[in-house]
Amino acid sequence: MNGADLQLTDNISEANALLALQSKLKKNSRIQAAFKSHDIPVYVTKTSSLEHVTKGIRALLSDYEDGLIVFGSIDKIKDSEKADALEEARMAIEHIVIPKGEPVDLLPRSYQVVSLQLDLLSLMIFLPPMAVPMAR
C-alpha cells in the first residue's frame, strides 16, 4: 500500500484500519465494539496534532507495506514487533515516567500492541520495588 492507496471513510465497515484519538477510543464503547466486530486494527494517537496524526498514518502505511497488519488476535503479531513495543514502553517508564513524572509519547501501534504496553505499565507502576539485599 502506498500513499495513493490511502482512502478516508466515515463508514467503519468499509475501513481496513482505524486511526483514533486515545481519549475518544477510551470513552466510546460503540467505536470499540465496531472495530472489534469488524476485526479492524486500530492505531491510537494521543492528540490530534499534525505530528501525532502523521506518525499514526505512517505507522499504518508501514505496517501494510511490511505485511504486519493483523486482524483480531495478538498471537498473529510478530514477536519482534511485540518485543520492540514492550521495550519502548519499558524504557520510557523506567527512564522518564517514574523518575521524572513526565508523560511520554510512544510510537503509534495497533490496538493489540498498545494493550500489551498498557499491561506492562500497570505491572511496572503498581508492583512494589524489588528488595535488593545490601552488601556488607
Protein backbone atom coordinates (compact mmCIF):
# COMPACT_ATOMS: atom_id res chain seq x y z
CA MET A 1 0.00 0.00 0.00
CA ASN A 2 1.37 3.41 -0.88
CA GLY A 3 0.09 6.90 -0.12
CA ALA A 4 -2.01 6.88 -3.29
CA ASP A 5 -3.90 3.83 -2.00
CA LEU A 6 -4.97 5.57 1.21
CA GLN A 7 -8.65 6.50 1.27
CA LEU A 8 -10.59 8.01 4.14
CA THR A 9 -14.06 6.83 5.03
CA ASP A 10 -16.70 7.58 7.65
CA ASN A 11 -18.10 4.05 7.34
CA ILE A 12 -16.23 1.65 9.60
CA SER A 13 -17.48 -1.36 7.62
CA GLU A 14 -15.51 -0.05 4.61
CA ALA A 15 -12.32 0.53 6.62
CA ASN A 16 -9.21 -1.66 6.65
CA ALA A 17 -7.78 0.17 9.68
CA LEU A 18 -8.83 2.81 12.18
CA LEU A 19 -6.85 5.82 13.37
CA ALA A 20 -8.36 7.07 16.64
CA LEU A 21 -7.67 9.55 19.39
CA GLN A 22 -6.84 7.74 22.62
CA SER A 23 -9.32 9.83 24.62
CA LYS A 24 -12.17 9.19 22.17
CA LEU A 25 -11.46 5.48 21.98
CA LYS A 26 -11.49 5.08 25.76
CA LYS A 27 -14.79 6.95 26.15
CA ASN A 28 -16.73 5.45 23.24
CA SER A 29 -17.73 1.83 23.68
CA ARG A 30 -19.55 1.91 20.31
CA ILE A 31 -16.28 2.58 18.48
CA GLN A 32 -14.59 -0.21 20.44
CA ALA A 33 -17.38 -2.65 19.61
CA ALA A 34 -17.33 -1.64 15.94
CA PHE A 35 -13.63 -2.23 15.34
CA LYS A 36 -13.71 -5.47 17.33
CA SER A 37 -16.70 -6.82 15.41
CA HIS A 38 -15.12 -5.90 12.07
CA ASP A 39 -11.64 -7.20 13.07
CA ILE A 40 -10.06 -3.85 12.19
CA PRO A 41 -6.61 -2.94 13.50
CA VAL A 42 -6.63 0.31 15.46
CA TYR A 43 -3.86 2.89 15.57
CA VAL A 44 -4.05 5.22 18.54
CA THR A 45 -2.74 8.79 18.76
CA LYS A 46 -2.52 10.79 21.94
CA THR A 47 -3.54 14.11 20.37
CA SER A 48 -4.96 15.35 17.09
CA SER A 49 -1.83 17.37 16.37
CA LEU A 50 -0.45 17.16 12.86
CA GLU A 51 2.68 15.46 14.18
CA HIS A 52 0.78 12.69 16.01
CA VAL A 53 -1.68 12.06 13.19
CA THR A 54 1.20 11.94 10.71
CA LYS A 55 3.03 9.39 12.88
CA GLY A 56 -0.13 7.29 13.11
CA ILE A 57 -0.67 7.31 9.35
CA ARG A 58 2.99 6.48 8.72
CA ALA A 59 2.79 3.53 11.14
CA LEU A 60 -0.36 2.28 9.45
CA LEU A 61 1.16 2.56 5.97
CA SER A 62 4.41 0.99 7.14
CA ASP A 63 2.56 -1.98 8.61
CA TYR A 64 0.68 -2.50 5.36
CA GLU A 65 3.88 -2.34 3.33
CA ASP A 66 5.62 -4.76 5.70
CA GLY A 67 2.66 -7.13 5.76
CA LEU A 68 2.23 -6.67 9.51
CA ILE A 69 -1.44 -5.74 9.56
CA VAL A 70 -3.19 -8.36 11.63
CA PHE A 71 -6.81 -8.84 12.37
CA GLY A 72 -8.07 -9.92 15.74
CA SER A 73 -5.55 -11.91 17.70
CA ILE A 74 -2.38 -10.64 19.35
CA ASP A 75 -0.92 -14.08 18.53
CA LYS A 76 -0.70 -13.08 14.86
CA ILE A 77 1.56 -10.10 15.56
CA LYS A 78 5.25 -10.78 15.02
CA ASP A 79 7.20 -11.43 18.21
CA SER A 80 9.79 -8.85 17.19
CA GLU A 81 7.10 -6.16 16.90
CA LYS A 82 5.73 -7.04 20.35
CA ALA A 83 9.23 -7.06 21.84
CA ASP A 84 10.11 -3.69 20.28
CA ALA A 85 6.90 -2.12 21.58
CA LEU A 86 7.34 -3.50 25.09
CA GLU A 87 10.99 -2.42 25.21
CA GLU A 88 10.00 1.09 24.07
CA ALA A 89 7.38 1.27 26.84
CA ARG A 90 9.73 -0.18 29.48
CA MET A 91 12.49 2.30 28.68
CA ALA A 92 10.05 5.22 28.76
CA ILE A 93 8.62 4.11 32.11
CA GLU A 94 12.00 3.44 33.74
CA HIS A 95 13.85 6.50 32.44
CA ILE A 96 11.19 9.21 32.18
CA VAL A 97 7.77 8.41 33.67
CA ILE A 98 8.79 7.07 37.08
CA PRO A 99 11.91 9.13 37.85
CA LYS A 100 10.78 12.43 36.33
CA GLY A 101 6.99 12.10 36.48
CA GLU A 102 6.71 13.26 32.88
CA PRO A 103 4.40 11.86 30.20
CA VAL A 104 5.95 10.19 27.14
CA ASP A 105 4.66 9.86 23.59
CA LEU A 106 5.23 6.36 22.27
CA LEU A 107 5.13 5.36 18.63
CA PRO A 108 1.67 4.67 17.19
CA ARG A 109 0.89 0.95 17.34
CA SER A 110 -2.02 -1.35 16.66
CA TYR A 111 -4.65 -1.60 19.38
CA GLN A 112 -3.47 -5.08 20.37
CA VAL A 113 0.12 -3.89 20.87
CA VAL A 114 -0.99 -0.79 22.81
CA SER A 115 -2.91 -3.16 25.09
CA LEU A 116 0.31 -5.06 25.78
CA GLN A 117 2.08 -1.79 26.58
CA LEU A 118 -0.71 -0.80 28.97
CA ASP A 119 -0.45 -4.18 30.71
CA LEU A 120 3.29 -3.63 31.15
CA LEU A 121 2.66 -0.14 32.50
CA SER A 122 0.19 -1.39 35.08
CA LEU A 123 2.65 -4.07 36.20
CA MET A 124 5.57 -1.67 36.49
CA ILE A 125 3.67 1.13 38.21
CA PHE A 126 1.70 -0.95 40.70
CA LEU A 127 4.24 -3.59 41.72
CA PRO A 128 6.30 -2.74 44.78
CA PRO A 129 10.00 -2.28 44.07
CA MET A 130 12.04 -5.44 44.43
CA ALA A 131 14.06 -5.67 47.60
CA VAL A 132 17.75 -5.85 46.84
CA PRO A 133 19.95 -7.12 49.67
CA MET A 134 22.72 -4.74 50.58
CA ALA A 135 26.28 -5.99 50.55
CA ARG A 136 28.10 -5.80 53.86
